[in-house]
C-alpha atoms as a PDB file:
ATOM      1  CA  MET A   1       5.477 -18.768   6.416  1.00  0.00           C
ATOM      2  CA  GLU A   2       6.539 -15.667   8.341  1.00  0.00           C
ATOM      3  CA  THR A   3       4.801 -13.481  10.919  1.00  0.00           C
ATOM      4  CA  VAL A   4       5.894  -9.885  11.500  1.00  0.00           C
ATOM      5  CA  LEU A   5       4.001  -8.572  14.515  1.00  0.00           C
ATOM      6  CA  GLY A   6       4.157  -4.841  15.175  1.00  0.00           C
ATOM      7  CA  ALA A   7       5.211  -3.509  18.570  1.00  0.00           C
ATOM      8  CA  GLY A   8       2.617  -1.642  20.626  1.00  0.00           C
ATOM      9  CA  VAL A   9      -0.308  -2.681  18.432  1.00  0.00           C
ATOM     10  CA  TRP A  10      -3.569  -1.209  19.724  1.00  0.00           C
ATOM     11  CA  ARG A  11      -6.481  -3.259  21.005  1.00  0.00           C
ATOM     12  CA  VAL A  12      -9.541  -3.826  18.820  1.00  0.00           C
ATOM     13  CA  GLU A  13     -13.016  -5.151  19.528  1.00  0.00           C
ATOM     14  CA  ALA A  14     -13.874  -8.077  17.271  1.00  0.00           C
ATOM     15  CA  ASP A  15     -15.195 -11.608  17.551  1.00  0.00           C
ATOM     16  CA  PRO A  16     -12.080 -13.802  18.101  1.00  0.00           C
ATOM     17  CA  ALA A  17     -13.535 -16.842  16.318  1.00  0.00           C
ATOM     18  CA  GLU A  18     -14.525 -14.791  13.265  1.00  0.00           C
ATOM     19  CA  LEU A  19     -11.142 -13.068  13.182  1.00  0.00           C
ATOM     20  CA  GLU A  20      -9.423 -16.464  13.316  1.00  0.00           C
ATOM     21  CA  ALA A  21     -11.677 -17.749  10.516  1.00  0.00           C
ATOM     22  CA  ALA A  22     -10.889 -14.670   8.406  1.00  0.00           C
ATOM     23  CA  ILE A  23      -7.142 -15.142   8.743  1.00  0.00           C
ATOM     24  CA  ILE A  24      -7.446 -18.865   7.983  1.00  0.00           C
ATOM     25  CA  ASN A  25      -9.546 -18.074   4.884  1.00  0.00           C
ATOM     26  CA  LEU A  26      -6.892 -15.650   3.657  1.00  0.00           C
ATOM     27  CA  ALA A  27      -4.097 -18.125   4.394  1.00  0.00           C
ATOM     28  CA  VAL A  28      -5.913 -20.903   2.489  1.00  0.00           C
ATOM     29  CA  ASN A  29      -6.443 -18.583  -0.491  1.00  0.00           C
ATOM     30  CA  ALA A  30      -2.768 -17.652  -0.357  1.00  0.00           C
ATOM     31  CA  ARG A  31      -1.718 -21.297  -0.276  1.00  0.00           C
ATOM     32  CA  ASP A  32      -3.948 -22.115  -3.253  1.00  0.00           C
ATOM     33  CA  ALA A  33      -2.488 -19.184  -5.208  1.00  0.00           C
ATOM     34  CA  MET A  34       1.039 -20.586  -4.736  1.00  0.00           C
ATOM     35  CA  THR A  35       0.740 -23.880  -6.580  1.00  0.00           C
ATOM     36  CA  ASN A  36       4.531 -24.325  -6.782  1.00  0.00           C
ATOM     37  CA  GLY A  37       5.216 -23.077  -3.274  1.00  0.00           C
ATOM     38  CA  GLY A  38       6.059 -19.581  -2.082  1.00  0.00           C
ATOM     39  CA  ARG A  39       6.066 -17.357   0.967  1.00  0.00           C
ATOM     40  CA  LEU A  40       3.117 -16.379   3.146  1.00  0.00           C
ATOM     41  CA  THR A  41       3.631 -13.317   5.366  1.00  0.00           C
ATOM     42  CA  ILE A  42       1.191 -12.184   8.074  1.00  0.00           C
ATOM     43  CA  GLU A  43       1.932  -8.709   9.404  1.00  0.00           C
ATOM     44  CA  THR A  44       0.277  -6.458  12.002  1.00  0.00           C
ATOM     45  CA  SER A  45       0.676  -2.709  12.506  1.00  0.00           C
ATOM     46  CA  ASN A  46      -1.104   0.411  13.671  1.00  0.00           C
ATOM     47  CA  ALA A  47      -2.578   2.585  10.937  1.00  0.00           C
ATOM     48  CA  HIS A  48      -4.326   5.918  10.537  1.00  0.00           C
ATOM     49  CA  ILE A  49      -6.896   6.569   7.807  1.00  0.00           C
ATOM     50  CA  ASP A  50      -7.322  10.288   7.184  1.00  0.00           C
ATOM     51  CA  GLU A  51      -9.978  12.489   5.555  1.00  0.00           C
ATOM     52  CA  ALA A  52      -8.113  12.612   2.246  1.00  0.00           C
ATOM     53  CA  TYR A  53      -8.274   8.801   1.860  1.00  0.00           C
ATOM     54  CA  VAL A  54     -11.915   8.774   2.936  1.00  0.00           C
ATOM     55  CA  ALA A  55     -12.756  11.307   0.202  1.00  0.00           C
ATOM     56  CA  ALA A  56     -11.973   8.593  -2.368  1.00  0.00           C
ATOM     57  CA  HIS A  57     -13.420   5.724  -0.282  1.00  0.00           C
ATOM     58  CA  THR A  58     -16.693   7.057   1.096  1.00  0.00           C
ATOM     59  CA  GLU A  59     -17.562   3.824   2.914  1.00  0.00           C
ATOM     60  CA  VAL A  60     -14.565   4.229   5.248  1.00  0.00           C
ATOM     61  CA  VAL A  61     -14.609   6.141   8.540  1.00  0.00           C
ATOM     62  CA  PRO A  62     -11.448   8.166   9.274  1.00  0.00           C
ATOM     63  CA  GLY A  63      -9.557   7.293  12.422  1.00  0.00           C
ATOM     64  CA  GLN A  64      -7.131   4.864  14.051  1.00  0.00           C
ATOM     65  CA  TYR A  65      -7.031   1.220  12.992  1.00  0.00           C
ATOM     66  CA  VAL A  66      -5.051  -1.946  13.457  1.00  0.00           C
ATOM     67  CA  ALA A  67      -3.990  -3.400  10.102  1.00  0.00           C
ATOM     68  CA  ILE A  68      -3.588  -7.137   9.540  1.00  0.00           C
ATOM     69  CA  ALA A  69      -1.917  -7.884   6.203  1.00  0.00           C
ATOM     70  CA  VAL A  70      -1.763 -11.341   4.600  1.00  0.00           C
ATOM     71  CA  THR A  71       0.654 -11.469   1.659  1.00  0.00           C
ATOM     72  CA  ASP A  72       1.500 -14.271  -0.761  1.00  0.00           C
ATOM     73  CA  THR A  73       3.910 -14.652  -3.672  1.00  0.00           C
ATOM     74  CA  GLY A  74       1.353 -16.434  -5.833  1.00  0.00           C
ATOM     75  CA  VAL A  75      -0.227 -15.954  -9.237  1.00  0.00           C
ATOM     76  CA  GLY A  76      -1.888 -12.635  -8.364  1.00  0.00           C
ATOM     77  CA  MET A  77      -5.078 -11.139  -9.792  1.00  0.00           C
ATOM     78  CA  ASP A  78      -5.812  -8.628 -12.516  1.00  0.00           C
ATOM     79  CA  SER A  79      -7.774  -5.459 -11.714  1.00  0.00           C
ATOM     80  CA  LYS A  80     -11.112  -6.918 -12.888  1.00  0.00           C
ATOM     81  CA  THR A  81     -10.725  -9.956 -10.621  1.00  0.00           C
ATOM     82  CA  VAL A  82      -9.830  -7.711  -7.665  1.00  0.00           C
ATOM     83  CA  THR A  83     -13.064  -5.717  -8.112  1.00  0.00           C
ATOM     84  CA  GLN A  84     -15.121  -8.963  -8.025  1.00  0.00           C
ATOM     85  CA  ALA A  85     -13.171 -10.714  -5.277  1.00  0.00           C
ATOM     86  CA  PHE A  86     -15.593  -9.919  -2.438  1.00  0.00           C
ATOM     87  CA  GLU A  87     -18.730 -10.976  -4.322  1.00  0.00           C
ATOM     88  CA  PRO A  88     -20.429 -14.088  -2.842  1.00  0.00           C
ATOM     89  CA  PHE A  89     -19.658 -17.267  -4.817  1.00  0.00           C
ATOM     90  CA  PHE A  90     -17.085 -15.522  -7.031  1.00  0.00           C
ATOM     91  CA  THR A  91     -13.999 -17.730  -7.273  1.00  0.00           C
ATOM     92  CA  THR A  92     -10.998 -18.235  -9.526  1.00  0.00           C
ATOM     93  CA  LYS A  93     -10.656 -21.855  -8.369  1.00  0.00           C
ATOM     94  CA  ALA A  94     -11.599 -24.856 -10.455  1.00  0.00           C
ATOM     95  CA  VAL A  95     -14.920 -26.639  -9.852  1.00  0.00           C
ATOM     96  CA  GLY A  96     -14.745 -28.620  -6.627  1.00  0.00           C
ATOM     97  CA  LYS A  97     -11.759 -26.635  -5.349  1.00  0.00           C
ATOM     98  CA  GLY A  98     -13.633 -23.972  -3.376  1.00  0.00           C
ATOM     99  CA  THR A  99     -17.025 -22.328  -2.798  1.00  0.00           C
ATOM    100  CA  GLY A 100     -15.989 -18.739  -3.433  1.00  0.00           C
ATOM    101  CA  LEU A 101     -17.356 -17.738  -0.033  1.00  0.00           C
ATOM    102  CA  GLY A 102     -14.000 -17.136   1.679  1.00  0.00           C
ATOM    103  CA  LEU A 103     -13.356 -13.498   0.761  1.00  0.00           C
ATOM    104  CA  SER A 104     -17.016 -12.483   0.987  1.00  0.00           C
ATOM    105  CA  GLN A 105     -17.105 -13.850   4.557  1.00  0.00           C
ATOM    106  CA  VAL A 106     -13.909 -11.958   5.383  1.00  0.00           C
ATOM    107  CA  TYR A 107     -15.445  -8.796   3.938  1.00  0.00           C
ATOM    108  CA  GLY A 108     -18.651  -9.290   5.929  1.00  0.00           C
ATOM    109  CA  PHE A 109     -16.772  -9.827   9.188  1.00  0.00           C
ATOM    110  CA  VAL A 110     -14.604  -6.728   8.745  1.00  0.00           C
ATOM    111  CA  LYS A 111     -17.525  -4.497   7.764  1.00  0.00           C
ATOM    112  CA  GLN A 112     -19.590  -5.835  10.676  1.00  0.00           C
ATOM    113  CA  SER A 113     -16.659  -4.859  12.927  1.00  0.00           C
ATOM    114  CA  GLY A 114     -16.660  -1.304  11.533  1.00  0.00           C
ATOM    115  CA  GLY A 115     -13.498  -1.840   9.499  1.00  0.00           C
ATOM    116  CA  HIS A 116     -12.153  -1.660   5.970  1.00  0.00           C
ATOM    117  CA  VAL A 117     -10.621  -4.204   3.553  1.00  0.00           C
ATOM    118  CA  LYS A 118      -8.200  -3.453   0.723  1.00  0.00           C
ATOM    119  CA  ILE A 119      -6.631  -5.809  -1.831  1.00  0.00           C
ATOM    120  CA  TYR A 120      -3.366  -5.080  -3.647  1.00  0.00           C
ATOM    121  CA  SER A 121      -2.475  -7.572  -6.352  1.00  0.00           C
ATOM    122  CA  GLU A 122      -0.479  -7.891  -9.552  1.00  0.00           C
ATOM    123  CA  VAL A 123      -0.564 -10.840 -11.952  1.00  0.00           C
ATOM    124  CA  GLY A 124       2.560 -12.931 -11.467  1.00  0.00           C
ATOM    125  CA  GLN A 125       3.681 -10.964  -8.402  1.00  0.00           C
ATOM    126  CA  GLY A 126       1.312 -11.951  -5.609  1.00  0.00           C
ATOM    127  CA  THR A 127      -1.411 -10.477  -3.417  1.00  0.00           C
ATOM    128  CA  THR A 128      -1.758  -8.589  -0.146  1.00  0.00           C
ATOM    129  CA  VAL A 129      -5.128  -8.439   1.612  1.00  0.00           C
ATOM    130  CA  LYS A 130      -5.226  -5.812   4.358  1.00  0.00           C
ATOM    131  CA  LEU A 131      -7.862  -5.883   7.086  1.00  0.00           C
ATOM    132  CA  TYR A 132      -8.331  -2.614   8.990  1.00  0.00           C
ATOM    133  CA  LEU A 133     -10.096  -3.058  12.337  1.00  0.00           C
ATOM    134  CA  PRO A 134     -10.957   0.097  14.313  1.00  0.00           C
ATOM    135  CA  ARG A 135      -9.005   0.832  17.475  1.00  0.00           C
ATOM    136  CA  LEU A 136     -10.998   0.067  20.635  1.00  0.00           C
ATOM    137  CA  ALA A 137     -12.966   3.245  21.385  1.00  0.00           C
ATOM    138  CA  THR A 138     -12.279   3.347  25.142  1.00  0.00           C
ATOM    139  CA  GLN A 139      -8.545   3.033  24.553  1.00  0.00           C
ATOM    140  CA  ALA A 140      -8.552   5.683  21.828  1.00  0.00           C
ATOM    141  CA  ALA A 141     -10.569   8.038  24.037  1.00  0.00           C
ATOM    142  CA  GLY A 142      -8.021   7.673  26.825  1.00  0.00           C
ATOM    143  CA  ALA A 143      -5.193   8.826  24.604  1.00  0.00           C
ATOM    144  CA  GLU A 144      -5.200  12.610  24.467  1.00  0.00           C
ATOM    145  CA  GLN A 145      -5.026  13.951  20.939  1.00  0.00           C
ATOM    146  CA  VAL A 146      -1.754  15.838  20.705  1.00  0.00           C
ATOM    147  CA  GLU A 147      -1.928  18.886  18.463  1.00  0.00           C
ATOM    148  CA  SER A 148      -0.159  17.909  15.279  1.00  0.00           C
ATOM    149  CA  ASN A 149       2.645  19.987  13.810  1.00  0.00           C
ATOM    150  CA  PRO A 150       2.136  21.559  10.389  1.00  0.00           C
ATOM    151  CA  SER A 151       3.097  19.245   7.517  1.00  0.00           C
ATOM    152  CA  PRO A 152       6.581  20.050   6.138  1.00  0.00           C
ATOM    153  CA  GLU A 153       6.322  21.792   2.775  1.00  0.00           C
ATOM    154  CA  ALA A 154       8.369  22.169  -0.387  1.00  0.00           C
ATOM    155  CA  ALA A 155      11.371  24.387  -0.892  1.00  0.00           C
ATOM    156  CA  GLN A 156      11.260  26.693  -3.901  1.00  0.00           C
ATOM    157  CA  GLU A 157      10.772  24.941  -7.259  1.00  0.00           C
ATOM    158  CA  GLU A 158      11.350  21.439  -5.853  1.00  0.00           C
ATOM    159  CA  THR A 159      10.013  18.972  -8.425  1.00  0.00           C
ATOM    160  CA  VAL A 160       8.598  15.472  -7.846  1.00  0.00           C
ATOM    161  CA  LEU A 161       7.961  12.888 -10.564  1.00  0.00           C
ATOM    162  CA  VAL A 162       5.072  10.646  -9.491  1.00  0.00           C
ATOM    163  CA  LEU A 163       5.123   7.227 -11.194  1.00  0.00           C
ATOM    164  CA  GLU A 164       1.955   5.250 -10.396  1.00  0.00           C
ATOM    165  CA  ASP A 165      -0.314   3.105 -12.591  1.00  0.00           C
ATOM    166  CA  ASP A 166      -3.385   3.319 -10.323  1.00  0.00           C
ATOM    167  CA  ASP A 167      -5.252   6.460 -11.467  1.00  0.00           C
ATOM    168  CA  GLU A 168      -6.860   7.141  -8.066  1.00  0.00           C
ATOM    169  CA  VAL A 169      -3.640   6.755  -6.098  1.00  0.00           C
ATOM    170  CA  ARG A 170      -1.704   8.861  -8.617  1.00  0.00           C
ATOM    171  CA  ALA A 171      -4.308  11.653  -8.465  1.00  0.00           C
ATOM    172  CA  TYR A 172      -4.261  11.626  -4.648  1.00  0.00           C
ATOM    173  CA  SER A 173      -0.451  11.735  -4.553  1.00  0.00           C
ATOM    174  CA  VAL A 174      -0.208  14.498  -7.157  1.00  0.00           C
ATOM    175  CA  ASP A 175      -2.882  16.647  -5.476  1.00  0.00           C
ATOM    176  CA  SER A 176      -1.301  16.184  -2.034  1.00  0.00           C
ATOM    177  CA  LEU A 177       2.195  17.087  -3.235  1.00  0.00           C
ATOM    178  CA  ARG A 178       0.942  20.152  -5.111  1.00  0.00           C
ATOM    179  CA  GLU A 179      -0.890  21.280  -1.989  1.00  0.00           C
ATOM    180  CA  LEU A 180       2.451  21.039  -0.161  1.00  0.00           C
ATOM    181  CA  GLY A 181       4.002  23.369  -2.731  1.00  0.00           C
ATOM    182  CA  TYR A 182       5.905  20.912  -4.912  1.00  0.00           C
ATOM    183  CA  ARG A 183       6.001  21.149  -8.679  1.00  0.00           C
ATOM    184  CA  VAL A 184       4.664  17.755  -9.814  1.00  0.00           C
ATOM    185  CA  ILE A 185       4.882  15.823 -13.061  1.00  0.00           C
ATOM    186  CA  GLU A 186       3.316  12.390 -13.456  1.00  0.00           C
ATOM    187  CA  ALA A 187       3.603   9.156 -15.428  1.00  0.00           C
ATOM    188  CA  HIS A 188       1.696   5.856 -15.469  1.00  0.00           C
ATOM    189  CA  ASP A 189       4.539   3.527 -16.508  1.00  0.00           C
ATOM    190  CA  GLY A 190       8.326   3.305 -16.462  1.00  0.00           C
ATOM    191  CA  PRO A 191       9.118   4.210 -20.096  1.00  0.00           C
ATOM    192  CA  SER A 192       6.938   7.340 -19.844  1.00  0.00           C
ATOM    193  CA  ALA A 193       8.685   8.359 -16.613  1.00  0.00           C
ATOM    194  CA  LEU A 194      12.140   7.981 -18.149  1.00  0.00           C
ATOM    195  CA  ARG A 195      11.110  10.077 -21.182  1.00  0.00           C
ATOM    196  CA  LEU A 196       9.903  12.806 -18.823  1.00  0.00           C
ATOM    197  CA  LEU A 197      13.193  12.697 -16.915  1.00  0.00           C
ATOM    198  CA  GLU A 198      15.130  13.222 -20.143  1.00  0.00           C
ATOM    199  CA  ARG A 199      13.037  16.303 -21.029  1.00  0.00           C
ATOM    200  CA  GLN A 200      12.585  18.013 -17.669  1.00  0.00           C
ATOM    201  CA  PRO A 201      15.175  20.591 -16.603  1.00  0.00           C
ATOM    202  CA  ARG A 202      14.760  19.762 -12.905  1.00  0.00           C
ATOM    203  CA  VAL A 203      13.497  16.705 -11.008  1.00  0.00           C
ATOM    204  CA  ASP A 204      14.469  16.335  -7.341  1.00  0.00           C
ATOM    205  CA  LEU A 205      12.547  13.189  -6.364  1.00  0.00           C
ATOM    206  CA  LEU A 206      11.169  10.107  -8.096  1.00  0.00           C
ATOM    207  CA  PHE A 207       8.131   8.832  -6.165  1.00  0.00           C
ATOM    208  CA  THR A 208       7.379   5.446  -7.701  1.00  0.00           C
ATOM    209  CA  ASP A 209       5.241   2.384  -7.150  1.00  0.00           C
ATOM    210  CA  VAL A 210       7.225  -0.852  -6.803  1.00  0.00           C
ATOM    211  CA  VAL A 211       5.127  -2.941  -9.224  1.00  0.00           C
ATOM    212  CA  LEU A 212       4.383  -1.288 -12.574  1.00  0.00           C
ATOM    213  CA  PRO A 213       3.047  -2.145 -16.043  1.00  0.00           C
ATOM    214  CA  GLY A 214       5.119  -1.577 -19.165  1.00  0.00           C
ATOM    215  CA  GLY A 215       7.925  -4.069 -18.559  1.00  0.00           C
ATOM    216  CA  LEU A 216       9.931  -2.144 -15.949  1.00  0.00           C
ATOM    217  CA  THR A 217       9.654  -2.416 -12.166  1.00  0.00           C
ATOM    218  CA  GLY A 218       9.946   0.619  -9.912  1.00  0.00           C
ATOM    219  CA  ALA A 219      13.452  -0.505  -8.907  1.00  0.00           C
ATOM    220  CA  GLN A 220      14.534  -0.808 -12.556  1.00  0.00           C
ATOM    221  CA  VAL A 221      13.140   2.637 -13.378  1.00  0.00           C
ATOM    222  CA  ALA A 222      14.948   4.078 -10.355  1.00  0.00           C
ATOM    223  CA  ALA A 223      18.248   2.516 -11.435  1.00  0.00           C
ATOM    224  CA  GLN A 224      17.945   3.937 -14.961  1.00  0.00           C
ATOM    225  CA  ALA A 225      16.790   7.293 -13.601  1.00  0.00           C
ATOM    226  CA  LYS A 226      19.870   7.511 -11.375  1.00  0.00           C
ATOM    227  CA  THR A 227      22.124   7.056 -14.411  1.00  0.00           C
ATOM    228  CA  LEU A 228      20.375  10.032 -16.035  1.00  0.00           C
ATOM    229  CA  ARG A 229      20.414  12.107 -12.818  1.00  0.00           C
ATOM    230  CA  PRO A 230      22.879  10.783 -10.224  1.00  0.00           C
ATOM    231  CA  ALA A 231      21.657  13.235  -7.554  1.00  0.00           C
ATOM    232  CA  LEU A 232      18.019  12.154  -7.896  1.00  0.00           C
ATOM    233  CA  LYS A 233      16.341  11.008  -4.664  1.00  0.00           C
ATOM    234  CA  VAL A 234      13.958   8.016  -4.799  1.00  0.00           C
ATOM    235  CA  LEU A 235      10.956   7.140  -2.647  1.00  0.00           C
ATOM    236  CA  PHE A 236       9.107   3.875  -3.298  1.00  0.00           C
ATOM    237  CA  THR A 237       5.491   3.096  -2.462  1.00  0.00           C
ATOM    238  CA  THR A 238       3.528  -0.159  -2.439  1.00  0.00           C
ATOM    239  CA  GLY A 239       0.257  -1.616  -1.296  1.00  0.00           C
ATOM    240  CA  TYR A 240       2.021  -4.814  -0.287  1.00  0.00           C
ATOM    241  CA  ALA A 241       3.001  -5.255   3.346  1.00  0.00           C
ATOM    242  CA  ARG A 242       6.357  -3.589   4.068  1.00  0.00           C
ATOM    243  CA  ASN A 243       8.159  -6.680   5.389  1.00  0.00           C
ATOM    244  CA  ALA A 244       6.717  -8.943   2.717  1.00  0.00           C
ATOM    245  CA  ILE A 245       7.979  -6.880  -0.191  1.00  0.00           C
ATOM    246  CA  ILE A 246      11.458  -6.370   1.289  1.00  0.00           C
ATOM    247  CA  HIS A 247      11.903  -9.973   2.394  1.00  0.00           C
ATOM    248  CA  HIS A 248      10.733 -11.270  -0.975  1.00  0.00           C
ATOM    249  CA  GLY A 249      13.655  -9.524  -2.602  1.00  0.00           C
ATOM    250  CA  ARG A 250      11.697  -6.959  -4.594  1.00  0.00           C
ATOM    251  CA  LEU A 251      13.531  -4.081  -2.894  1.00  0.00           C
ATOM    252  CA  ASP A 252      16.962  -3.865  -1.324  1.00  0.00           C
ATOM    253  CA  LYS A 253      16.994  -3.327   2.422  1.00  0.00           C
ATOM    254  CA  GLY A 254      17.548   0.280   3.405  1.00  0.00           C
ATOM    255  CA  VAL A 255      15.542   1.802   0.555  1.00  0.00           C
ATOM    256  CA  GLN A 256      13.035   4.553   1.352  1.00  0.00           C
ATOM    257  CA  LEU A 257       9.493   3.149   1.320  1.00  0.00           C
ATOM    258  CA  ILE A 258       5.995   4.358   2.250  1.00  0.00           C
ATOM    259  CA  VAL A 259       3.148   1.835   2.354  1.00  0.00           C
ATOM    260  CA  LYS A 260      -0.321   2.500   0.897  1.00  0.00           C
ATOM    261  CA  PRO A 261      -2.711   3.802   2.003  1.00  0.00           C
ATOM    262  CA  PHE A 262      -0.659   6.711   3.336  1.00  0.00           C
ATOM    263  CA  SER A 263      -2.029   9.843   4.949  1.00  0.00           C
ATOM    264  CA  PHE A 264      -1.361  13.387   3.769  1.00  0.00           C
ATOM    265  CA  SER A 265       0.886  14.072   6.772  1.00  0.00           C
ATOM    266  CA  ASP A 266       2.772  10.762   6.350  1.00  0.00           C
ATOM    267  CA  LEU A 267       3.471  11.601   2.697  1.00  0.00           C
ATOM    268  CA  ALA A 268       4.536  15.168   3.545  1.00  0.00           C
ATOM    269  CA  THR A 269       6.945  14.010   6.235  1.00  0.00           C
ATOM    270  CA  LYS A 270       8.422  11.127   4.232  1.00  0.00           C
ATOM    271  CA  VAL A 271       8.997  13.176   1.086  1.00  0.00           C
ATOM    272  CA  ARG A 272      10.690  15.939   3.104  1.00  0.00           C
ATOM    273  CA  ASP A 273      12.862  13.372   4.933  1.00  0.00           C
ATOM    274  CA  VAL A 274      14.020  11.794   1.667  1.00  0.00           C
ATOM    275  CA  LEU A 275      14.732  15.145   0.005  1.00  0.00           C
ATOM    276  CA  ASP A 276      16.687  16.344   3.034  1.00  0.00           C
ATOM    277  CA  SER A 277      18.658  13.112   3.443  1.00  0.00           C
ATOM    278  CA  SER A 278      22.336  13.042   2.546  1.00  0.00           C
ATOM    279  CA  GLY A 279      22.140   9.602   0.881  1.00  0.00           C
END
């Protein structure tokens, strides 16, 4: 078990006993998902949910949040199971091994606190559950809103290949990058992305999810892509907690990574940084 606690994490207003129960519920679920052992990572960080994310998740209020992520290296869940996970009495455990109330209670607590819950999971890879609790209003009000700088935009004809199997996330990424002036092509799995790379006259950046369907991981696609185009820049994205995915060996340290959900300005800045880097 590992804890990675962010520096300068904001204060939130939530019932301490219910928060403790929520984290214990998630830890118990994580333990049960790792029948042969594994690694449990609990991570905290500040987060900002912007209007663009809210457009696709209408139940969420934009603003500043504290994120608590609980990640395991267990059996994972398919997309259908993820959509049912918060339903009362839904459980993947055998009879007598659990009530199925754990995640629904977590969901209820977070919603009651004005927050948001998101699950990222892949079969055979593991699961991250992220709890977003709103920043304490009095503290947020005391911090003056500094006028933000314009988001950095594309240079002429710069092309980004977006590789993402989640249709909603891919659409958001593609729309955001096009708004910033990039030429964008897209693929839903590794083999499709590599075929596009072979055909396209110019691709400056591969923006890829870490965990993908189709037999190739994001890292494997990136390695093959670099043999086709040695000058290609690579930016990874994942819904898993940053420290969990790096420490579990799925990415080498030092790689460029942006964690979902990312804001429009975060994506703009990160993409520009990677494209302008000398590495």
